[in-house]
Amino acid sequence: MAKTNQKRFAPKVHIKKGDRVLVIAGKDKGKEAEVMEVIPKKYRAVIDGLNIARKHTKPTHDNPGGILDVSMPIHISNLMLIDPKTGDATRVGRKEVDGKLVRYSKKTGDIIS
């Protein structure tokens, strides 16, 4: 018998791959960068060049190995979307336009594509 309390789908997140975001908490606070990957099930995102960790890798046939600098995931609650039109950090809302759910900037009210 299956559990009834199980989550079946990943939660909705306010950022997408390719968005510019501002880090609002953590060691990289105040820095802006582009989202490389979003992991909705863990509610995290990998940001280009931020939250760098040193990773030790074994040599393989393709990879010589050694110590690499890798961008690690950041919790999405520590990120704020930058409005593409104004360049300011903004909260994100959702509204229905022509039968589709779209993101919009709460600061300006503009739709974010």
PDB file of N, CA and C in Angstrom:
ATOM      1  N   MET A   1       0.832  -1.180   0.000  1.00  0.00           N
ATOM      2  CA  MET A   1       0.000   0.000   0.000  1.00  0.00           C
ATOM      3  C   MET A   1       0.882   1.251   0.000  1.00  0.00           C
ATOM      4  N   ALA A   2       0.573   2.216  -0.835  1.00  0.00           N
ATOM      5  CA  ALA A   2       1.394   3.414  -0.981  1.00  0.00           C
ATOM      6  C   ALA A   2       1.040   4.453   0.087  1.00  0.00           C
ATOM      7  N   LYS A   3       2.025   5.285   0.409  1.00  0.00           N
ATOM      8  CA  LYS A   3       1.785   6.378   1.343  1.00  0.00           C
ATOM      9  C   LYS A   3       0.947   7.453   0.665  1.00  0.00           C
ATOM     10  N   THR A   4       0.085   8.086   1.426  1.00  0.00           N
ATOM     11  CA  THR A   4      -0.754   9.139   0.853  1.00  0.00           C
ATOM     12  C   THR A   4      -0.120  10.516   1.019  1.00  0.00           C
ATOM     13  N   ASN A   5       0.839  10.661   1.927  1.00  0.00           N
ATOM     14  CA  ASN A   5       1.451  11.962   2.199  1.00  0.00           C
ATOM     15  C   ASN A   5       2.654  12.244   1.309  1.00  0.00           C
ATOM     16  N   GLN A   6       2.957  11.373   0.368  1.00  0.00           N
ATOM     17  CA  GLN A   6       4.146  11.527  -0.441  1.00  0.00           C
ATOM     18  C   GLN A   6       3.997  12.669  -1.435  1.00  0.00           C
ATOM     19  N   LYS A   7       5.098  13.443  -1.603  1.00  0.00           N
ATOM     20  CA  LYS A   7       5.107  14.484  -2.615  1.00  0.00           C
ATOM     21  C   LYS A   7       5.409  13.848  -3.958  1.00  0.00           C
ATOM     22  N   ARG A   8       4.618  14.190  -4.961  1.00  0.00           N
ATOM     23  CA  ARG A   8       4.795  13.576  -6.269  1.00  0.00           C
ATOM     24  C   ARG A   8       5.581  14.464  -7.221  1.00  0.00           C
ATOM     25  N   PHE A   9       5.515  15.761  -7.025  1.00  0.00           N
ATOM     26  CA  PHE A   9       6.133  16.677  -7.965  1.00  0.00           C
ATOM     27  C   PHE A   9       7.073  17.627  -7.250  1.00  0.00           C
ATOM     28  N   ALA A  10       7.997  18.209  -8.013  1.00  0.00           N
ATOM     29  CA  ALA A  10       8.931  19.180  -7.464  1.00  0.00           C
ATOM     30  C   ALA A  10       8.197  20.493  -7.195  1.00  0.00           C
ATOM     31  N   PRO A  11       8.616  21.260  -6.195  1.00  0.00           N
ATOM     32  CA  PRO A  11       7.941  22.524  -5.894  1.00  0.00           C
ATOM     33  C   PRO A  11       8.213  23.576  -6.976  1.00  0.00           C
ATOM     34  N   LYS A  12       7.343  24.568  -7.067  1.00  0.00           N
ATOM     35  CA  LYS A  12       7.544  25.681  -7.991  1.00  0.00           C
ATOM     36  C   LYS A  12       8.636  26.574  -7.426  1.00  0.00           C
ATOM     37  N   VAL A  13       9.492  27.081  -8.295  1.00  0.00           N
ATOM     38  CA  VAL A  13      10.555  27.986  -7.866  1.00  0.00           C
ATOM     39  C   VAL A  13      10.422  29.298  -8.628  1.00  0.00           C
ATOM     40  N   HIS A  14      10.934  30.390  -8.047  1.00  0.00           N
ATOM     41  CA  HIS A  14      10.763  31.705  -8.645  1.00  0.00           C
ATOM     42  C   HIS A  14      11.875  32.087  -9.610  1.00  0.00           C
ATOM     43  N   ILE A  15      12.872  31.222  -9.794  1.00  0.00           N
ATOM     44  CA  ILE A  15      13.934  31.510 -10.754  1.00  0.00           C
ATOM     45  C   ILE A  15      14.047  30.371 -11.752  1.00  0.00           C
ATOM     46  N   LYS A  16      14.621  30.669 -12.905  1.00  0.00           N
ATOM     47  CA  LYS A  16      14.807  29.679 -13.955  1.00  0.00           C
ATOM     48  C   LYS A  16      16.242  29.751 -14.448  1.00  0.00           C
ATOM     49  N   LYS A  17      16.641  28.742 -15.183  1.00  0.00           N
ATOM     50  CA  LYS A  17      17.962  28.711 -15.793  1.00  0.00           C
ATOM     51  C   LYS A  17      18.092  29.907 -16.739  1.00  0.00           C
ATOM     52  N   GLY A  18      19.217  30.609 -16.640  1.00  0.00           N
ATOM     53  CA  GLY A  18      19.460  31.769 -17.498  1.00  0.00           C
ATOM     54  C   GLY A  18      19.119  33.098 -16.850  1.00  0.00           C
ATOM     55  N   ASP A  19      18.390  33.103 -15.716  1.00  0.00           N
ATOM     56  CA  ASP A  19      18.063  34.347 -15.017  1.00  0.00           C
ATOM     57  C   ASP A  19      19.311  34.937 -14.365  1.00  0.00           C
ATOM     58  N   ARG A  20      19.328  36.272 -14.232  1.00  0.00           N
ATOM     59  CA  ARG A  20      20.368  36.924 -13.429  1.00  0.00           C
ATOM     60  C   ARG A  20      19.799  37.075 -12.022  1.00  0.00           C
ATOM     61  N   VAL A  21      20.599  36.707 -11.024  1.00  0.00           N
ATOM     62  CA  VAL A  21      20.134  36.763  -9.642  1.00  0.00           C
ATOM     63  C   VAL A  21      21.139  37.501  -8.769  1.00  0.00           C
ATOM     64  N   LEU A  22      20.652  37.986  -7.640  1.00  0.00           N
ATOM     65  CA  LEU A  22      21.457  38.621  -6.619  1.00  0.00           C
ATOM     66  C   LEU A  22      21.463  37.710  -5.411  1.00  0.00           C
ATOM     67  N   VAL A  23      22.645  37.465  -4.845  1.00  0.00           N
ATOM     68  CA  VAL A  23      22.739  36.639  -3.639  1.00  0.00           C
ATOM     69  C   VAL A  23      22.492  37.555  -2.448  1.00  0.00           C
ATOM     70  N   ILE A  24      21.493  37.225  -1.622  1.00  0.00           N
ATOM     71  CA  ILE A  24      21.112  38.103  -0.509  1.00  0.00           C
ATOM     72  C   ILE A  24      21.578  37.580   0.839  1.00  0.00           C
ATOM     73  N   ALA A  25      22.167  36.375   0.878  1.00  0.00           N
ATOM     74  CA  ALA A  25      22.665  35.828   2.137  1.00  0.00           C
ATOM     75  C   ALA A  25      23.778  34.833   1.847  1.00  0.00           C
ATOM     76  N   GLY A  26      24.689  34.690   2.798  1.00  0.00           N
ATOM     77  CA  GLY A  26      25.773  33.725   2.643  1.00  0.00           C
ATOM     78  C   GLY A  26      27.093  34.403   2.352  1.00  0.00           C
ATOM     79  N   LYS A  27      28.103  33.601   2.052  1.00  0.00           N
ATOM     80  CA  LYS A  27      29.456  34.132   1.871  1.00  0.00           C
ATOM     81  C   LYS A  27      29.606  34.979   0.607  1.00  0.00           C
ATOM     82  N   ASP A  28      28.716  34.805  -0.369  1.00  0.00           N
ATOM     83  CA  ASP A  28      28.764  35.577  -1.609  1.00  0.00           C
ATOM     84  C   ASP A  28      27.699  36.674  -1.637  1.00  0.00           C
ATOM     85  N   LYS A  29      27.260  37.141  -0.483  1.00  0.00           N
ATOM     86  CA  LYS A  29      26.205  38.145  -0.384  1.00  0.00           C
ATOM     87  C   LYS A  29      26.575  39.402  -1.173  1.00  0.00           C
ATOM     88  N   GLY A  30      25.598  39.890  -1.966  1.00  0.00           N
ATOM     89  CA  GLY A  30      25.796  41.112  -2.730  1.00  0.00           C
ATOM     90  C   GLY A  30      26.296  40.891  -4.145  1.00  0.00           C
ATOM     91  N   LYS A  31      26.649  39.671  -4.498  1.00  0.00           N
ATOM     92  CA  LYS A  31      27.165  39.386  -5.835  1.00  0.00           C
ATOM     93  C   LYS A  31      26.020  39.017  -6.778  1.00  0.00           C
ATOM     94  N   GLU A  32      26.211  39.378  -8.058  1.00  0.00           N
ATOM     95  CA  GLU A  32      25.236  39.049  -9.102  1.00  0.00           C
ATOM     96  C   GLU A  32      25.858  38.047 -10.063  1.00  0.00           C
ATOM     97  N   ALA A  33      25.053  37.121 -10.558  1.00  0.00           N
ATOM     98  CA  ALA A  33      25.532  36.158 -11.544  1.00  0.00           C
ATOM     99  C   ALA A  33      24.342  35.491 -12.224  1.00  0.00           C
ATOM    100  N   GLU A  34      24.640  34.623 -13.196  1.00  0.00           N
ATOM    101  CA  GLU A  34      23.607  33.932 -13.964  1.00  0.00           C
ATOM    102  C   GLU A  34      23.383  32.525 -13.411  1.00  0.00           C
ATOM    103  N   VAL A  35      22.127  32.082 -13.450  1.00  0.00           N
ATOM    104  CA  VAL A  35      21.768  30.745 -12.982  1.00  0.00           C
ATOM    105  C   VAL A  35      22.154  29.735 -14.065  1.00  0.00           C
ATOM    106  N   MET A  36      22.960  28.734 -13.695  1.00  0.00           N
ATOM    107  CA  MET A  36      23.377  27.700 -14.638  1.00  0.00           C
ATOM    108  C   MET A  36      22.443  26.502 -14.595  1.00  0.00           C
ATOM    109  N   GLU A  37      21.903  26.200 -13.407  1.00  0.00           N
ATOM    110  CA  GLU A  37      21.065  25.011 -13.239  1.00  0.00           C
ATOM    111  C   GLU A  37      20.158  25.218 -12.032  1.00  0.00           C
ATOM    112  N   VAL A  38      18.935  24.731 -12.119  1.00  0.00           N
ATOM    113  CA  VAL A  38      18.001  24.775 -10.993  1.00  0.00           C
ATOM    114  C   VAL A  38      17.661  23.341 -10.612  1.00  0.00           C
ATOM    115  N   ILE A  39      17.703  23.058  -9.291  1.00  0.00           N
ATOM    116  CA  ILE A  39      17.384  21.726  -8.769  1.00  0.00           C
ATOM    117  C   ILE A  39      16.133  21.878  -7.903  1.00  0.00           C
ATOM    118  N   PRO A  40      14.921  21.783  -8.507  1.00  0.00           N
ATOM    119  CA  PRO A  40      13.697  22.075  -7.760  1.00  0.00           C
ATOM    120  C   PRO A  40      13.429  21.124  -6.607  1.00  0.00           C
ATOM    121  N   LYS A  41      13.779  19.851  -6.728  1.00  0.00           N
ATOM    122  CA  LYS A  41      13.484  18.907  -5.646  1.00  0.00           C
ATOM    123  C   LYS A  41      14.250  19.236  -4.374  1.00  0.00           C
ATOM    124  N   LYS A  42      15.442  19.800  -4.507  1.00  0.00           N
ATOM    125  CA  LYS A  42      16.239  20.190  -3.340  1.00  0.00           C
ATOM    126  C   LYS A  42      16.106  21.675  -3.049  1.00  0.00           C
ATOM    127  N   TYR A  43      15.347  22.419  -3.881  1.00  0.00           N
ATOM    128  CA  TYR A  43      15.125  23.850  -3.741  1.00  0.00           C
ATOM    129  C   TYR A  43      16.451  24.617  -3.757  1.00  0.00           C
ATOM    130  N   ARG A  44      17.310  24.251  -4.716  1.00  0.00           N
ATOM    131  CA  ARG A  44      18.629  24.861  -4.831  1.00  0.00           C
ATOM    132  C   ARG A  44      18.916  25.239  -6.277  1.00  0.00           C
ATOM    133  N   ALA A  45      19.925  26.100  -6.459  1.00  0.00           N
ATOM    134  CA  ALA A  45      20.343  26.511  -7.796  1.00  0.00           C
ATOM    135  C   ALA A  45      21.856  26.630  -7.834  1.00  0.00           C
ATOM    136  N   VAL A  46      22.439  26.293  -8.987  1.00  0.00           N
ATOM    137  CA  VAL A  46      23.876  26.448  -9.200  1.00  0.00           C
ATOM    138  C   VAL A  46      24.069  27.766  -9.939  1.00  0.00           C
ATOM    139  N   ILE A  47      24.889  28.649  -9.365  1.00  0.00           N
ATOM    140  CA  ILE A  47      25.110  29.980  -9.904  1.00  0.00           C
ATOM    141  C   ILE A  47      26.528  30.058 -10.459  1.00  0.00           C
ATOM    142  N   ASP A  48      26.673  30.607 -11.654  1.00  0.00           N
ATOM    143  CA  ASP A  48      27.955  30.670 -12.350  1.00  0.00           C
ATOM    144  C   ASP A  48      28.993  31.462 -11.554  1.00  0.00           C
ATOM    145  N   GLY A  49      30.043  30.777 -11.116  1.00  0.00           N
ATOM    146  CA  GLY A  49      31.170  31.431 -10.452  1.00  0.00           C
ATOM    147  C   GLY A  49      30.961  31.777  -8.989  1.00  0.00           C
ATOM    148  N   LEU A  50      29.870  31.353  -8.372  1.00  0.00           N
ATOM    149  CA  LEU A  50      29.623  31.657  -6.960  1.00  0.00           C
ATOM    150  C   LEU A  50      29.547  30.372  -6.148  1.00  0.00           C
ATOM    151  N   ASN A  51      29.761  30.493  -4.845  1.00  0.00           N
ATOM    152  CA  ASN A  51      29.756  29.365  -3.914  1.00  0.00           C
ATOM    153  C   ASN A  51      30.740  28.284  -4.379  1.00  0.00           C
ATOM    154  N   ILE A  52      31.969  28.722  -4.613  1.00  0.00           N
ATOM    155  CA  ILE A  52      33.014  27.847  -5.144  1.00  0.00           C
ATOM    156  C   ILE A  52      33.544  26.931  -4.044  1.00  0.00           C
ATOM    157  N   ALA A  53      33.692  25.655  -4.381  1.00  0.00           N
ATOM    158  CA  ALA A  53      34.300  24.674  -3.476  1.00  0.00           C
ATOM    159  C   ALA A  53      35.403  23.957  -4.244  1.00  0.00           C
ATOM    160  N   ARG A  54      36.382  23.465  -3.529  1.00  0.00           N
ATOM    161  CA  ARG A  54      37.474  22.729  -4.161  1.00  0.00           C
ATOM    162  C   ARG A  54      37.113  21.256  -4.139  1.00  0.00           C
ATOM    163  N   LYS A  55      37.152  20.641  -5.299  1.00  0.00           N
ATOM    164  CA  LYS A  55      36.772  19.240  -5.415  1.00  0.00           C
ATOM    165  C   LYS A  55      37.974  18.438  -5.892  1.00  0.00           C
ATOM    166  N   HIS A  56      38.283  17.368  -5.180  1.00  0.00           N
ATOM    167  CA  HIS A  56      39.399  16.503  -5.539  1.00  0.00           C
ATOM    168  C   HIS A  56      38.871  15.376  -6.416  1.00  0.00           C
ATOM    169  N   THR A  57      39.436  15.239  -7.615  1.00  0.00           N
ATOM    170  CA  THR A  57      38.958  14.212  -8.529  1.00  0.00           C
ATOM    171  C   THR A  57      40.076  13.240  -8.863  1.00  0.00           C
ATOM    172  N   LYS A  58      39.692  11.972  -9.008  1.00  0.00           N
ATOM    173  CA  LYS A  58      40.643  10.934  -9.396  1.00  0.00           C
ATOM    174  C   LYS A  58      40.877  11.006 -10.896  1.00  0.00           C
ATOM    175  N   PRO A  59      42.056  10.657 -11.341  1.00  0.00           N
ATOM    176  CA  PRO A  59      42.274  10.639 -12.786  1.00  0.00           C
ATOM    177  C   PRO A  59      41.475   9.525 -13.460  1.00  0.00           C
ATOM    178  N   THR A  60      40.912   9.841 -14.621  1.00  0.00           N
ATOM    179  CA  THR A  60      40.207   8.846 -15.427  1.00  0.00           C
ATOM    180  C   THR A  60      40.786   8.906 -16.842  1.00  0.00           C
ATOM    181  N   HIS A  61      40.210   8.126 -17.727  1.00  0.00           N
ATOM    182  CA  HIS A  61      40.686   8.113 -19.107  1.00  0.00           C
ATOM    183  C   HIS A  61      40.500   9.494 -19.758  1.00  0.00           C
ATOM    184  N   ASP A  62      39.382  10.164 -19.458  1.00  0.00           N
ATOM    185  CA  ASP A  62      39.085  11.466 -20.056  1.00  0.00           C
ATOM    186  C   ASP A  62      39.630  12.636 -19.253  1.00  0.00           C
ATOM    187  N   ASN A  63      39.747  12.481 -17.932  1.00  0.00           N
ATOM    188  CA  ASN A  63      40.066  13.578 -17.032  1.00  0.00           C
ATOM    189  C   ASN A  63      41.414  13.323 -16.354  1.00  0.00           C
ATOM    190  N   PRO A  64      42.338  14.287 -16.387  1.00  0.00           N
ATOM    191  CA  PRO A  64      43.630  14.059 -15.740  1.00  0.00           C
ATOM    192  C   PRO A  64      43.552  14.051 -14.210  1.00  0.00           C
ATOM    193  N   GLY A  65      42.437  14.545 -13.641  1.00  0.00           N
ATOM    194  CA  GLY A  65      42.275  14.551 -12.186  1.00  0.00           C
ATOM    195  C   GLY A  65      42.914  15.787 -11.569  1.00  0.00           C
ATOM    196  N   GLY A  66      42.951  15.814 -10.251  1.00  0.00           N
ATOM    197  CA  GLY A  66      43.519  16.953  -9.533  1.00  0.00           C
ATOM    198  C   GLY A  66      42.463  17.673  -8.718  1.00  0.00           C
ATOM    199  N   ILE A  67      42.791  18.916  -8.349  1.00  0.00           N
ATOM    200  CA  ILE A  67      41.898  19.720  -7.522  1.00  0.00           C
ATOM    201  C   ILE A  67      41.221  20.754  -8.422  1.00  0.00           C
ATOM    202  N   LEU A  68      39.886  20.688  -8.494  1.00  0.00           N
ATOM    203  CA  LEU A  68      39.115  21.589  -9.345  1.00  0.00           C
ATOM    204  C   LEU A  68      38.278  22.541  -8.500  1.00  0.00           C
ATOM    205  N   ASP A  69      38.049  23.752  -9.024  1.00  0.00           N
ATOM    206  CA  ASP A  69      37.123  24.691  -8.386  1.00  0.00           C
ATOM    207  C   ASP A  69      35.756  24.494  -9.035  1.00  0.00           C
ATOM    208  N   VAL A  70      34.750  24.158  -8.213  1.00  0.00           N
ATOM    209  CA  VAL A  70      33.420  23.826  -8.716  1.00  0.00           C
ATOM    210  C   VAL A  70      32.380  24.723  -8.048  1.00  0.00           C
ATOM    211  N   SER A  71      31.390  25.215  -8.828  1.00  0.00           N
ATOM    212  CA  SER A  71      30.276  25.984  -8.261  1.00  0.00           C
ATOM    213  C   SER A  71      29.307  25.008  -7.603  1.00  0.00           C
ATOM    214  N   MET A  72      29.023  25.221  -6.334  1.00  0.00           N
ATOM    215  CA  MET A  72      28.122  24.354  -5.588  1.00  0.00           C
ATOM    216  C   MET A  72      26.733  25.003  -5.510  1.00  0.00           C
ATOM    217  N   PRO A  73      25.686  24.197  -5.304  1.00  0.00           N
ATOM    218  CA  PRO A  73      24.321  24.749  -5.244  1.00  0.00           C
ATOM    219  C   PRO A  73      24.105  25.676  -4.039  1.00  0.00           C
ATOM    220  N   ILE A  74      23.256  26.685  -4.247  1.00  0.00           N
ATOM    221  CA  ILE A  74      22.859  27.644  -3.211  1.00  0.00           C
ATOM    222  C   ILE A  74      21.359  27.487  -3.013  1.00  0.00           C
ATOM    223  N   HIS A  75      20.898  27.602  -1.777  1.00  0.00           N
ATOM    224  CA  HIS A  75      19.468  27.506  -1.512  1.00  0.00           C
ATOM    225  C   HIS A  75      18.758  28.688  -2.168  1.00  0.00           C
ATOM    226  N   ILE A  76      17.605  28.416  -2.774  1.00  0.00           N
ATOM    227  CA  ILE A  76      16.894  29.427  -3.557  1.00  0.00           C
ATOM    228  C   ILE A  76      16.390  30.574  -2.687  1.00  0.00           C
ATOM    229  N   SER A  77      16.171  30.337  -1.403  1.00  0.00           N
ATOM    230  CA  SER A  77      15.714  31.417  -0.526  1.00  0.00           C
ATOM    231  C   SER A  77      16.789  32.491  -0.354  1.00  0.00           C
ATOM    232  N   ASN A  78      18.028  32.185  -0.690  1.00  0.00           N
ATOM    233  CA  ASN A  78      19.125  33.150  -0.581  1.00  0.00           C
ATOM    234  C   ASN A  78      19.365  33.906  -1.888  1.00  0.00           C
ATOM    235  N   LEU A  79      18.474  33.748  -2.857  1.00  0.00           N
ATOM    236  CA  LEU A  79      18.618  34.395  -4.155  1.00  0.00           C
ATOM    237  C   LEU A  79      17.431  35.292  -4.432  1.00  0.00           C
ATOM    238  N   MET A  80      17.695  36.405  -5.149  1.00  0.00           N
ATOM    239  CA  MET A  80      16.637  37.323  -5.537  1.00  0.00           C
ATOM    240  C   MET A  80      16.809  37.635  -7.017  1.00  0.00           C
ATOM    241  N   LEU A  81      15.737  37.540  -7.769  1.00  0.00           N
ATOM    242  CA  LEU A  81      15.784  37.772  -9.208  1.00  0.00           C
ATOM    243  C   LEU A  81      16.066  39.239  -9.507  1.00  0.00           C
ATOM    244  N   ILE A  82      16.888  39.479 -10.538  1.00  0.00           N
ATOM    245  CA  ILE A  82      17.149  40.840 -10.997  1.00  0.00           C
ATOM    246  C   ILE A  82      16.253  41.096 -12.203  1.00  0.00           C
ATOM    247  N   ASP A  83      15.468  42.166 -12.117  1.00  0.00           N
ATOM    248  CA  ASP A  83      14.542  42.523 -13.194  1.00  0.00           C
ATOM    249  C   ASP A  83      15.353  42.865 -14.442  1.00  0.00           C
ATOM    250  N   PRO A  84      15.098  42.188 -15.571  1.00  0.00           N
ATOM    251  CA  PRO A  84      15.891  42.433 -16.780  1.00  0.00           C
ATOM    252  C   PRO A  84      15.774  43.862 -17.326  1.00  0.00           C
ATOM    253  N   LYS A  85      14.640  44.531 -17.092  1.00  0.00           N
ATOM    254  CA  LYS A  85      14.442  45.878 -17.639  1.00  0.00           C
ATOM    255  C   LYS A  85      15.097  46.955 -16.786  1.00  0.00           C
ATOM    256  N   THR A  86      14.927  46.874 -15.449  1.00  0.00           N
ATOM    257  CA  THR A  86      15.440  47.926 -14.576  1.00  0.00           C
ATOM    258  C   THR A  86      16.811  47.605 -13.986  1.00  0.00           C
ATOM    259  N   GLY A  87      17.146  46.327 -13.856  1.00  0.00           N
ATOM    260  CA  GLY A  87      18.429  45.952 -13.258  1.00  0.00           C
ATOM    261  C   GLY A  87      18.396  45.922 -11.744  1.00  0.00           C
ATOM    262  N   ASP A  88      17.210  46.074 -11.147  1.00  0.00           N
ATOM    263  CA  ASP A  88      17.071  46.036  -9.689  1.00  0.00           C
ATOM    264  C   ASP A  88      16.590  44.668  -9.237  1.00  0.00           C
ATOM    265  N   ALA A  89      16.930  44.295  -8.009  1.00  0.00           N
ATOM    266  CA  ALA A  89      16.429  43.046  -7.437  1.00  0.00           C
ATOM    267  C   ALA A  89      14.942  43.216  -7.147  1.00  0.00           C
ATOM    268  N   THR A  90      14.172  42.162  -7.392  1.00  0.00           N
ATOM    269  CA  THR A  90      12.729  42.237  -7.216  1.00  0.00           C
ATOM    270  C   THR A  90      12.171  40.909  -6.749  1.00  0.00           C
ATOM    271  N   ARG A  91      11.019  40.959  -6.097  1.00  0.00           N
ATOM    272  CA  ARG A  91      10.292  39.736  -5.787  1.00  0.00           C
ATOM    273  C   ARG A  91       9.542  39.300  -7.032  1.00  0.00           C
ATOM    274  N   VAL A  92       9.191  38.022  -7.063  1.00  0.00           N
ATOM    275  CA  VAL A  92       8.531  37.474  -8.239  1.00  0.00           C
ATOM    276  C   VAL A  92       7.145  36.997  -7.860  1.00  0.00           C
ATOM    277  N   GLY A  93       6.165  37.332  -8.697  1.00  0.00           N
ATOM    278  CA  GLY A  93       4.804  36.854  -8.509  1.00  0.00           C
ATOM    279  C   GLY A  93       4.382  36.061  -9.731  1.00  0.00           C
ATOM    280  N   ARG A  94       3.242  35.399  -9.625  1.00  0.00           N
ATOM    281  CA  ARG A  94       2.686  34.650 -10.760  1.00  0.00           C
ATOM    282  C   ARG A  94       1.267  35.144 -11.009  1.00  0.00           C
ATOM    283  N   LYS A  95       0.933  35.299 -12.287  1.00  0.00           N
ATOM    284  CA  LYS A  95      -0.441  35.637 -12.649  1.00  0.00           C
ATOM    285  C   LYS A  95      -0.764  34.991 -13.982  1.00  0.00           C
ATOM    286  N   GLU A  96      -2.058  34.850 -14.232  1.00  0.00           N
ATOM    287  CA  GLU A  96      -2.503  34.199 -15.455  1.00  0.00           C
ATOM    288  C   GLU A  96      -2.737  35.246 -16.545  1.00  0.00           C
ATOM    289  N   VAL A  97      -2.079  35.054 -17.689  1.00  0.00           N
ATOM    290  CA  VAL A  97      -2.244  35.940 -18.838  1.00  0.00           C
ATOM    291  C   VAL A  97      -2.537  35.063 -20.050  1.00  0.00           C
ATOM    292  N   ASP A  98      -3.674  35.267 -20.680  1.00  0.00           N
ATOM    293  CA  ASP A  98      -4.094  34.476 -21.848  1.00  0.00           C
ATOM    294  C   ASP A  98      -4.082  32.979 -21.568  1.00  0.00           C
ATOM    295  N   GLY A  99      -4.501  32.585 -20.382  1.00  0.00           N
ATOM    296  CA  GLY A  99      -4.592  31.171 -20.042  1.00  0.00           C
ATOM    297  C   GLY A  99      -3.273  30.531 -19.630  1.00  0.00           C
ATOM    298  N   LYS A 100      -2.180  31.323 -19.573  1.00  0.00           N
ATOM    299  CA  LYS A 100      -0.881  30.786 -19.163  1.00  0.00           C
ATOM    300  C   LYS A 100      -0.428  31.491 -17.896  1.00  0.00           C
ATOM    301  N   LEU A 101       0.239  30.753 -17.030  1.00  0.00           N
ATOM    302  CA  LEU A 101       0.794  31.313 -15.807  1.00  0.00           C
ATOM    303  C   LEU A 101       2.148  31.922 -16.128  1.00  0.00           C
ATOM    304  N   VAL A 102       2.319  33.221 -15.874  1.00  0.00           N
ATOM    305  CA  VAL A 102       3.571  33.908 -16.175  1.00  0.00           C
ATOM    306  C   VAL A 102       4.136  34.549 -14.913  1.00  0.00           C
ATOM    307  N   ARG A 103       5.453  34.751 -14.905  1.00  0.00           N
ATOM    308  CA  ARG A 103       6.109  35.423 -13.792  1.00  0.00           C
ATOM    309  C   ARG A 103       6.074  36.931 -14.044  1.00  0.00           C
ATOM    310  N   TYR A 104       5.929  37.707 -12.959  1.00  0.00           N
ATOM    311  CA  TYR A 104       5.986  39.153 -13.105  1.00  0.00           C
ATOM    312  C   TYR A 104       6.759  39.759 -11.945  1.00  0.00           C
ATOM    313  N   SER A 105       7.339  40.927 -12.192  1.00  0.00           N
ATOM    314  CA  SER A 105       8.105  41.656 -11.188  1.00  0.00           C
ATOM    315  C   SER A 105       7.152  42.367 -10.258  1.00  0.00           C
ATOM    316  N   LYS A 106       7.286  42.138  -8.967  1.00  0.00           N
ATOM    317  CA  LYS A 106       6.395  42.795  -8.008  1.00  0.00           C
ATOM    318  C   LYS A 106       6.759  44.268  -7.841  1.00  0.00           C
ATOM    319  N   LYS A 107       7.997  44.633  -8.169  1.00  0.00           N
ATOM    320  CA  LYS A 107       8.438  46.024  -8.045  1.00  0.00           C
ATOM    321  C   LYS A 107       7.852  46.884  -9.152  1.00  0.00           C
ATOM    322  N   THR A 108       7.894  46.396 -10.408  1.00  0.00           N
ATOM    323  CA  THR A 108       7.428  47.207 -11.535  1.00  0.00           C
ATOM    324  C   THR A 108       6.117  46.716 -12.124  1.00  0.00           C
ATOM    325  N   GLY A 109       5.752  45.450 -11.897  1.00  0.00           N
ATOM    326  CA  GLY A 109       4.536  44.891 -12.458  1.00  0.00           C
ATOM    327  C   GLY A 109       4.725  44.353 -13.863  1.00  0.00           C
ATOM    328  N   ASP A 110       5.952  44.451 -14.423  1.00  0.00           N
ATOM    329  CA  ASP A 110       6.233  43.955 -15.767  1.00  0.00           C
ATOM    330  C   ASP A 110       6.343  42.435 -15.783  1.00  0.00           C
ATOM    331  N   ILE A 111       5.954  41.843 -16.914  1.00  0.00           N
ATOM    332  CA  ILE A 111       6.064  40.389 -17.074  1.00  0.00           C
ATOM    333  C   ILE A 111       7.510  40.025 -17.374  1.00  0.00           C
ATOM    334  N   ILE A 112       7.999  38.980 -16.731  1.00  0.00           N
ATOM    335  CA  ILE A 112       9.371  38.499 -16.936  1.00  0.00           C
ATOM    336  C   ILE A 112       9.296  37.290 -17.854  1.00  0.00           C
ATOM    337  N   SER A 113       9.997  37.380 -18.978  1.00  0.00           N
ATOM    338  CA  SER A 113       9.968  36.264 -19.939  1.00  0.00           C
ATOM    339  C   SER A 113      10.974  35.194 -19.578  1.00  0.00           C
TER     340      SER A 113
END
